[in-house]
PDB file of N, CA and C in Angstrom:
ATOM      1  N   UNK A   1     133.699-211.199 -45.272  1.00  0.00           N
ATOM      2  CA  UNK A   1     131.885-211.134 -44.924  1.00  0.00           C
ATOM      3  C   UNK A   1     131.998-212.240 -43.779  1.00  0.00           C
ATOM      4  N   UNK A   2     131.447-211.534 -42.826  1.00  0.00           N
ATOM      5  CA  UNK A   2     131.572-212.510 -41.556  1.00  0.00           C
ATOM      6  C   UNK A   2     130.314-212.321 -41.473  1.00  0.00           C
ATOM      7  N   UNK A   3     129.847-213.439 -40.716  1.00  0.00           N
ATOM      8  CA  UNK A   3     128.503-214.163 -40.321  1.00  0.00           C
ATOM      9  C   UNK A   3     128.665-214.297 -39.118  1.00  0.00           C
ATOM     10  N   UNK A   4     127.115-214.815 -37.930  1.00  0.00           N
ATOM     11  CA  UNK A   4     127.672-215.411 -37.040  1.00  0.00           C
ATOM     12  C   UNK A   4     126.513-216.854 -36.729  1.00  0.00           C
ATOM     13  N   UNK A   5     126.914-217.461 -36.271  1.00  0.00           N
ATOM     14  CA  UNK A   5     126.280-219.096 -36.892  1.00  0.00           C
ATOM     15  C   UNK A   5     125.760-219.509 -35.432  1.00  0.00           C
ATOM     16  N   UNK A   6     124.431-219.789 -35.237  1.00  0.00           N
ATOM     17  CA  UNK A   6     124.384-220.462 -34.238  1.00  0.00           C
ATOM     18  C   UNK A   6     123.949-221.907 -34.506  1.00  0.00           C
ATOM     19  N   UNK A   7     124.065-222.663 -33.553  1.00  0.00           N
ATOM     20  CA  UNK A   7     124.194-224.128 -32.879  1.00  0.00           C
ATOM     21  C   UNK A   7     123.242-224.112 -32.087  1.00  0.00           C
ATOM     22  N   UNK A   8     122.264-225.030 -32.600  1.00  0.00           N
ATOM     23  CA  UNK A   8     121.244-225.941 -31.399  1.00  0.00           C
ATOM     24  C   UNK A   8     121.248-227.611 -31.276  1.00  0.00           C
ATOM     25  N   UNK A   9     121.084-228.334 -30.131  1.00  0.00           N
ATOM     26  CA  UNK A   9     120.982-229.513 -29.896  1.00  0.00           C
ATOM     27  C   UNK A   9     121.770-229.928 -30.416  1.00  0.00           C
ATOM     28  N   UNK A  10     121.768-231.247 -31.275  1.00  0.00           N
ATOM     29  CA  UNK A  10     122.779-231.560 -31.197  1.00  0.00           C
ATOM     30  C   UNK A  10     124.058-231.041 -31.755  1.00  0.00           C
ATOM     31  N   UNK A  11     123.785-230.029 -32.293  1.00  0.00           N
ATOM     32  CA  UNK A  11     124.486-229.613 -33.388  1.00  0.00           C
ATOM     33  C   UNK A  11     125.194-228.833 -31.883  1.00  0.00           C
ATOM     34  N   UNK A  12     124.587-227.909 -31.394  1.00  0.00           N
ATOM     35  CA  UNK A  12     125.680-227.930 -30.287  1.00  0.00           C
ATOM     36  C   UNK A  12     126.458-228.425 -29.462  1.00  0.00           C
ATOM     37  N   UNK A  13     125.978-230.028 -29.526  1.00  0.00           N
ATOM     38  CA  UNK A  13     127.013-231.124 -28.938  1.00  0.00           C
ATOM     39  C   UNK A  13     127.792-231.589 -29.911  1.00  0.00           C
ATOM     40  N   UNK A  14     127.267-231.265 -30.483  1.00  0.00           N
ATOM     41  CA  UNK A  14     128.205-232.287 -31.894  1.00  0.00           C
ATOM     42  C   UNK A  14     129.687-231.312 -31.873  1.00  0.00           C
ATOM     43  N   UNK A  15     129.974-229.857 -31.910  1.00  0.00           N
ATOM     44  CA  UNK A  15     130.498-229.107 -32.330  1.00  0.00           C
ATOM     45  C   UNK A  15     130.707-228.232 -31.186  1.00  0.00           C
ATOM     46  N   UNK A  16     130.434-229.005 -29.692  1.00  0.00           N
ATOM     47  CA  UNK A  16     130.668-228.234 -28.744  1.00  0.00           C
ATOM     48  C   UNK A  16     131.238-226.639 -28.556  1.00  0.00           C
ATOM     49  N   UNK A  17     130.207-225.929 -28.839  1.00  0.00           N
ATOM     50  CA  UNK A  17     129.816-224.498 -29.493  1.00  0.00           C
ATOM     51  C   UNK A  17     128.552-224.453 -29.382  1.00  0.00           C
ATOM     52  N   UNK A  18     127.763-223.169 -28.774  1.00  0.00           N
ATOM     53  CA  UNK A  18     127.385-221.920 -28.753  1.00  0.00           C
ATOM     54  C   UNK A  18     126.813-221.321 -30.583  1.00  0.00           C
ATOM     55  N   UNK A  19     128.125-220.705 -30.166  1.00  0.00           N
ATOM     56  CA  UNK A  19     127.924-220.277 -31.598  1.00  0.00           C
ATOM     57  C   UNK A  19     129.283-220.056 -31.968  1.00  0.00           C
ATOM     58  N   UNK A  20     129.374-218.780 -33.085  1.00  0.00           N
ATOM     59  CA  UNK A  20     131.033-218.714 -33.825  1.00  0.00           C
ATOM     60  C   UNK A  20     130.570-217.538 -34.836  1.00  0.00           C
ATOM     61  N   UNK A  21     131.624-216.695 -34.952  1.00  0.00           N
ATOM     62  CA  UNK A  21     131.505-215.922 -35.611  1.00  0.00           C
ATOM     63  C   UNK A  21     132.479-216.576 -37.135  1.00  0.00           C
ATOM     64  N   UNK A  22     132.023-216.692 -38.549  1.00  0.00           N
ATOM     65  CA  UNK A  22     132.990-217.589 -39.865  1.00  0.00           C
ATOM     66  C   UNK A  22     133.260-216.506 -40.535  1.00  0.00           C
ATOM     67  N   UNK A  23     134.248-216.181 -40.894  1.00  0.00           N
ATOM     68  CA  UNK A  23     134.883-215.712 -42.379  1.00  0.00           C
ATOM     69  C   UNK A  23     134.381-216.294 -43.221  1.00  0.00           C
ATOM     70  N   UNK A  24     133.710-216.030 -44.085  1.00  0.00           N
ATOM     71  CA  UNK A  24     133.332-216.275 -45.784  1.00  0.00           C
ATOM     72  C   UNK A  24     133.328-215.395 -46.325  1.00  0.00           C
ATOM     73  N   UNK A  25     133.529-216.235 -47.677  1.00  0.00           N
ATOM     74  CA  UNK A  25     134.153-214.713 -49.275  1.00  0.00           C
ATOM     75  C   UNK A  25     132.692-214.396 -49.726  1.00  0.00           C
ATOM     76  N   UNK A  26     133.207-213.256 -50.196  1.00  0.00           N
ATOM     77  CA  UNK A  26     131.899-212.262 -50.965  1.00  0.00           C
ATOM     78  C   UNK A  26     130.772-213.503 -51.268  1.00  0.00           C
ATOM     79  N   UNK A  27     129.844-213.389 -51.489  1.00  0.00           N
ATOM     80  CA  UNK A  27     128.867-213.959 -52.690  1.00  0.00           C
ATOM     81  C   UNK A  27     128.907-215.670 -51.976  1.00  0.00           C
ATOM     82  N   UNK A  28     129.164-215.830 -50.528  1.00  0.00           N
ATOM     83  CA  UNK A  28     129.155-217.089 -50.030  1.00  0.00           C
ATOM     84  C   UNK A  28     127.336-217.385 -49.756  1.00  0.00           C
ATOM     85  N   UNK A  29     126.939-218.626 -49.785  1.00  0.00           N
ATOM     86  CA  UNK A  29     125.387-218.917 -50.258  1.00  0.00           C
ATOM     87  C   UNK A  29     125.754-220.568 -48.345  1.00  0.00           C
ATOM     88  N   UNK A  30     124.614-220.401 -48.247  1.00  0.00           N
ATOM     89  CA  UNK A  30     124.364-221.139 -46.728  1.00  0.00           C
ATOM     90  C   UNK A  30     125.142-222.538 -46.921  1.00  0.00           C
ATOM     91  N   UNK A  31     125.094-223.017 -48.716  1.00  0.00           N
ATOM     92  CA  UNK A  31     125.632-223.998 -48.545  1.00  0.00           C
ATOM     93  C   UNK A  31     127.219-224.497 -47.716  1.00  0.00           C
ATOM     94  N   UNK A  32     128.236-222.966 -48.320  1.00  0.00           N
ATOM     95  CA  UNK A  32     129.395-222.993 -47.782  1.00  0.00           C
ATOM     96  C   UNK A  32     129.241-223.076 -45.945  1.00  0.00           C
ATOM     97  N   UNK A  33     128.345-222.541 -45.713  1.00  0.00           N
ATOM     98  CA  UNK A  33     128.712-222.533 -43.767  1.00  0.00           C
ATOM     99  C   UNK A  33     128.597-223.827 -44.536  1.00  0.00           C
ATOM    100  N   UNK A  34     127.515-225.195 -44.255  1.00  0.00           N
ATOM    101  CA  UNK A  34     127.942-226.021 -44.030  1.00  0.00           C
ATOM    102  C   UNK A  34     128.689-227.579 -44.402  1.00  0.00           C
ATOM    103  N   UNK A  35     129.365-226.732 -46.009  1.00  0.00           N
ATOM    104  CA  UNK A  35     130.758-227.545 -46.536  1.00  0.00           C
ATOM    105  C   UNK A  35     132.359-227.229 -45.102  1.00  0.00           C
ATOM    106  N   UNK A  36     131.885-226.014 -44.814  1.00  0.00           N
ATOM    107  CA  UNK A  36     133.077-225.570 -43.842  1.00  0.00           C
ATOM    108  C   UNK A  36     132.679-226.306 -42.324  1.00  0.00           C
ATOM    109  N   UNK A  37     131.077-226.783 -42.113  1.00  0.00           N
ATOM    110  CA  UNK A  37     131.010-227.363 -40.611  1.00  0.00           C
ATOM    111  C   UNK A  37     131.329-229.229 -41.406  1.00  0.00           C
ATOM    112  N   UNK A  38     131.146-229.956 -42.282  1.00  0.00           N
ATOM    113  CA  UNK A  38     131.335-230.944 -43.063  1.00  0.00           C
ATOM    114  C   UNK A  38     132.950-231.186 -42.545  1.00  0.00           C
ATOM    115  N   UNK A  39     133.655-230.191 -42.992  1.00  0.00           N
ATOM    116  CA  UNK A  39     134.881-230.439 -43.200  1.00  0.00           C
ATOM    117  C   UNK A  39     135.762-230.722 -41.744  1.00  0.00           C
ATOM    118  N   UNK A  40     134.647-230.070 -40.888  1.00  0.00           N
ATOM    119  CA  UNK A  40     135.414-230.135 -39.277  1.00  0.00           C
ATOM    120  C   UNK A  40     134.777-231.269 -38.687  1.00  0.00           C
ATOM    121  N   UNK A  41     134.135-231.783 -38.716  1.00  0.00           N
ATOM    122  CA  UNK A  41     133.275-232.565 -38.478  1.00  0.00           C
ATOM    123  C   UNK A  41     132.392-233.747 -39.675  1.00  0.00           C
ATOM    124  N   UNK A  42     133.238-234.187 -40.260  1.00  0.00           N
ATOM    125  CA  UNK A  42     132.185-234.991 -41.014  1.00  0.00           C
ATOM    126  C   UNK A  42     130.862-235.926 -41.067  1.00  0.00           C
ATOM    127  N   UNK A  43     131.377-236.376 -39.447  1.00  0.00           N
ATOM    128  CA  UNK A  43     130.107-237.005 -39.281  1.00  0.00           C
ATOM    129  C   UNK A  43     128.241-236.050 -39.144  1.00  0.00           C
ATOM    130  N   UNK A  44     128.583-234.666 -38.998  1.00  0.00           N
ATOM    131  CA  UNK A  44     127.251-233.633 -38.888  1.00  0.00           C
ATOM    132  C   UNK A  44     126.668-233.498 -39.818  1.00  0.00           C
ATOM    133  N   UNK A  45     127.150-234.082 -40.789  1.00  0.00           N
ATOM    134  CA  UNK A  45     126.614-233.985 -42.570  1.00  0.00           C
ATOM    135  C   UNK A  45     125.985-234.696 -42.318  1.00  0.00           C
ATOM    136  N   UNK A  46     125.213-235.989 -41.366  1.00  0.00           N
ATOM    137  CA  UNK A  46     123.912-236.952 -41.623  1.00  0.00           C
ATOM    138  C   UNK A  46     122.737-235.792 -40.775  1.00  0.00           C
ATOM    139  N   UNK A  47     122.721-234.206 -39.681  1.00  0.00           N
ATOM    140  CA  UNK A  47     122.092-234.197 -40.106  1.00  0.00           C
ATOM    141  C   UNK A  47     121.330-233.262 -40.722  1.00  0.00           C
ATOM    142  N   UNK A  48     122.176-232.552 -42.072  1.00  0.00           N
ATOM    143  CA  UNK A  48     121.910-231.649 -42.724  1.00  0.00           C
ATOM    144  C   UNK A  48     120.617-231.656 -43.628  1.00  0.00           C
ATOM    145  N   UNK A  49     120.369-232.817 -43.466  1.00  0.00           N
ATOM    146  CA  UNK A  49     118.821-232.987 -44.686  1.00  0.00           C
ATOM    147  C   UNK A  49     117.783-232.841 -44.072  1.00  0.00           C
ATOM    148  N   UNK A  50     117.608-232.992 -42.921  1.00  0.00           N
ATOM    149  CA  UNK A  50     116.100-232.550 -41.956  1.00  0.00           C
ATOM    150  C   UNK A  50     116.471-231.660 -40.728  1.00  0.00           C
ATOM    151  N   UNK A  51     117.976-230.750 -41.424  1.00  0.00           N
ATOM    152  CA  UNK A  51     118.194-229.630 -40.347  1.00  0.00           C
ATOM    153  C   UNK A  51     117.079-228.328 -41.028  1.00  0.00           C
ATOM    154  N   UNK A  52     116.350-227.640 -39.838  1.00  0.00           N
ATOM    155  CA  UNK A  52     115.685-226.339 -40.460  1.00  0.00           C
ATOM    156  C   UNK A  52     117.024-225.308 -40.157  1.00  0.00           C
ATOM    157  N   UNK A  53     117.286-224.173 -41.221  1.00  0.00           N
ATOM    158  CA  UNK A  53     117.700-223.401 -41.393  1.00  0.00           C
ATOM    159  C   UNK A  53     117.473-221.936 -41.343  1.00  0.00           C
ATOM    160  N   UNK A  54     118.182-221.581 -40.330  1.00  0.00           N
ATOM    161  CA  UNK A  54     117.694-219.622 -40.923  1.00  0.00           C
ATOM    162  C   UNK A  54     118.331-218.739 -41.388  1.00  0.00           C
ATOM    163  N   UNK A  55     118.561-217.794 -41.519  1.00  0.00           N
ATOM    164  CA  UNK A  55     119.549-216.522 -41.695  1.00  0.00           C
ATOM    165  C   UNK A  55     118.292-215.066 -41.868  1.00  0.00           C
ATOM    166  N   UNK A  56     118.847-215.001 -40.365  1.00  0.00           N
ATOM    167  CA  UNK A  56     118.070-213.509 -40.303  1.00  0.00           C
ATOM    168  C   UNK A  56     116.522-214.086 -39.730  1.00  0.00           C
ATOM    169  N   UNK A  57     116.217-214.772 -38.425  1.00  0.00           N
ATOM    170  CA  UNK A  57     115.142-215.549 -38.538  1.00  0.00           C
ATOM    171  C   UNK A  57     114.328-215.656 -39.499  1.00  0.00           C
ATOM    172  N   UNK A  58     114.666-215.714 -40.770  1.00  0.00           N
ATOM    173  CA  UNK A  58     113.348-216.079 -42.215  1.00  0.00           C
ATOM    174  C   UNK A  58     114.406-217.706 -42.694  1.00  0.00           C
ATOM    175  N   UNK A  59     113.511-218.381 -41.597  1.00  0.00           N
ATOM    176  CA  UNK A  59     113.504-219.632 -42.699  1.00  0.00           C
ATOM    177  C   UNK A  59     114.711-219.899 -43.816  1.00  0.00           C
ATOM    178  N   UNK A  60     115.223-220.809 -44.239  1.00  0.00           N
ATOM    179  CA  UNK A  60     116.734-220.529 -45.599  1.00  0.00           C
ATOM    180  C   UNK A  60     116.689-222.174 -46.256  1.00  0.00           C
ATOM    181  N   UNK A  61     117.384-222.067 -47.482  1.00  0.00           N
ATOM    182  CA  UNK A  61     118.002-222.995 -48.169  1.00  0.00           C
ATOM    183  C   UNK A  61     119.223-222.828 -48.214  1.00  0.00           C
ATOM    184  N   UNK A  62     119.429-224.509 -48.816  1.00  0.00           N
ATOM    185  CA  UNK A  62     121.302-224.426 -49.072  1.00  0.00           C
ATOM    186  C   UNK A  62     121.645-222.865 -49.962  1.00  0.00           C
ATOM    187  N   UNK A  63     121.255-222.731 -50.879  1.00  0.00           N
ATOM    188  CA  UNK A  63     120.829-221.598 -51.682  1.00  0.00           C
ATOM    189  C   UNK A  63     120.697-220.356 -51.577  1.00  0.00           C
ATOM    190  N   UNK A  64     120.888-220.139 -49.920  1.00  0.00           N
ATOM    191  CA  UNK A  64     120.443-218.822 -49.681  1.00  0.00           C
ATOM    192  C   UNK A  64     121.219-218.262 -49.711  1.00  0.00           C
ATOM    193  N   UNK A  65     121.577-217.133 -50.492  1.00  0.00           N
ATOM    194  CA  UNK A  65     122.974-216.171 -50.238  1.00  0.00           C
ATOM    195  C   UNK A  65     123.499-215.319 -49.013  1.00  0.00           C
ATOM    196  N   UNK A  66     124.114-214.949 -48.554  1.00  0.00           N
ATOM    197  CA  UNK A  66     124.721-214.524 -47.067  1.00  0.00           C
ATOM    198  C   UNK A  66     125.031-213.280 -47.434  1.00  0.00           C
ATOM    199  N   UNK A  67     124.964-212.358 -46.752  1.00  0.00           N
ATOM    200  CA  UNK A  67     125.159-210.736 -46.875  1.00  0.00           C
ATOM    201  C   UNK A  67     126.678-210.655 -45.195  1.00  0.00           C
ATOM    202  N   UNK A  68     127.439-209.704 -45.339  1.00  0.00           N
ATOM    203  CA  UNK A  68     127.618-209.957 -44.206  1.00  0.00           C
ATOM    204  C   UNK A  68     127.106-208.895 -42.671  1.00  0.00           C
ATOM    205  N   UNK A  69     127.568-209.891 -41.506  1.00  0.00           N
ATOM    206  CA  UNK A  69     127.098-209.541 -40.579  1.00  0.00           C
ATOM    207  C   UNK A  69     125.612-210.579 -40.333  1.00  0.00           C
ATOM    208  N   UNK A  70     125.467-210.925 -41.455  1.00  0.00           N
ATOM    209  CA  UNK A  70     124.297-211.718 -41.455  1.00  0.00           C
ATOM    210  C   UNK A  70     124.069-213.335 -39.792  1.00  0.00           C
ATOM    211  N   UNK A  71     122.594-213.414 -39.234  1.00  0.00           N
ATOM    212  CA  UNK A  71     122.604-214.208 -38.714  1.00  0.00           C
ATOM    213  C   UNK A  71     122.174-215.953 -39.144  1.00  0.00           C
ATOM    214  N   UNK A  72     123.463-217.250 -38.714  1.00  0.00           N
ATOM    215  CA  UNK A  72     123.081-217.865 -39.370  1.00  0.00           C
ATOM    216  C   UNK A  72     122.526-219.037 -38.463  1.00  0.00           C
ATOM    217  N   UNK A  73     121.074-219.766 -38.121  1.00  0.00           N
ATOM    218  CA  UNK A  73     120.813-220.457 -37.094  1.00  0.00           C
ATOM    219  C   UNK A  73     120.787-222.116 -37.960  1.00  0.00           C
ATOM    220  N   UNK A  74     121.244-222.833 -36.981  1.00  0.00           N
ATOM    221  CA  UNK A  74     121.286-224.307 -37.631  1.00  0.00           C
ATOM    222  C   UNK A  74     120.199-225.236 -37.172  1.00  0.00           C
ATOM    223  N   UNK A  75     118.723-225.468 -36.752  1.00  0.00           N
ATOM    224  CA  UNK A  75     118.623-226.176 -35.922  1.00  0.00           C
ATOM    225  C   UNK A  75     117.757-227.967 -36.074  1.00  0.00           C
ATOM    226  N   UNK A  76     118.930-228.594 -35.827  1.00  0.00           N
ATOM    227  CA  UNK A  76     118.547-229.767 -36.254  1.00  0.00           C
ATOM    228  C   UNK A  76     116.529-230.539 -35.404  1.00  0.00           C
ATOM    229  N   UNK A  77     116.452-231.678 -36.174  1.00  0.00           N
ATOM    230  CA  UNK A  77     114.952-232.559 -35.372  1.00  0.00           C
ATOM    231  C   UNK A  77     115.162-232.790 -33.615  1.00  0.00           C
ATOM    232  N   UNK A  78     114.822-232.010 -32.778  1.00  0.00           N
ATOM    233  CA  UNK A  78     114.370-232.614 -31.717  1.00  0.00           C
ATOM    234  C   UNK A  78     113.685-233.427 -31.479  1.00  0.00           C
ATOM    235  N   UNK A  79     114.313-234.704 -30.667  1.00  0.00           N
ATOM    236  CA  UNK A  79     113.625-236.043 -30.369  1.00  0.00           C
ATOM    237  C   UNK A  79     113.428-236.229 -28.849  1.00  0.00           C
ATOM    238  N   UNK A  80     112.795-237.275 -29.091  1.00  0.00           N
ATOM    239  CA  UNK A  80     112.826-237.406 -27.275  1.00  0.00           C
ATOM    240  C   UNK A  80     111.788-236.785 -26.170  1.00  0.00           C
ATOM    241  N   UNK A  81     111.644-236.998 -25.554  1.00  0.00           N
ATOM    242  CA  UNK A  81     111.017-235.825 -24.359  1.00  0.00           C
ATOM    243  C   UNK A  81     110.812-236.804 -23.215  1.00  0.00           C
ATOM    244  N   UNK A  82     109.769-236.206 -22.170  1.00  0.00           N
ATOM    245  CA  UNK A  82     110.005-236.937 -21.523  1.00  0.00           C
ATOM    246  C   UNK A  82     108.769-238.066 -21.279  1.00  0.00           C
ATOM    247  N   UNK A  83     109.297-239.411 -20.782  1.00  0.00           N
ATOM    248  CA  UNK A  83     107.496-239.720 -20.702  1.00  0.00           C
ATOM    249  C   UNK A  83     107.094-239.505 -19.833  1.00  0.00           C
ATOM    250  N   UNK A  84     105.006-239.850 -19.140  1.00  0.00           N
ATOM    251  CA  UNK A  84     104.305-239.427 -18.560  1.00  0.00           C
ATOM    252  C   UNK A  84     103.821-240.594 -17.605  1.00  0.00           C
TER     253      UNK A  84
END
């Protein structure tokens, strides 16, 4: 099955892309997406515990089951801002 994974903020910077289509086996869960990213870029796993995740615009957790054509979003916490 294929899911679209969208990356925001520091995830986008670390992976050097905004989104990608990812092929996963039937029965995959959100943790499978994270495992694949960790294999590619191990340092990204430091964001996993504080990152918000969604599947089809609904908040999701590691065990959320995925289906063909789902849209996954990985949104790390945003820090910083402009001083007054």
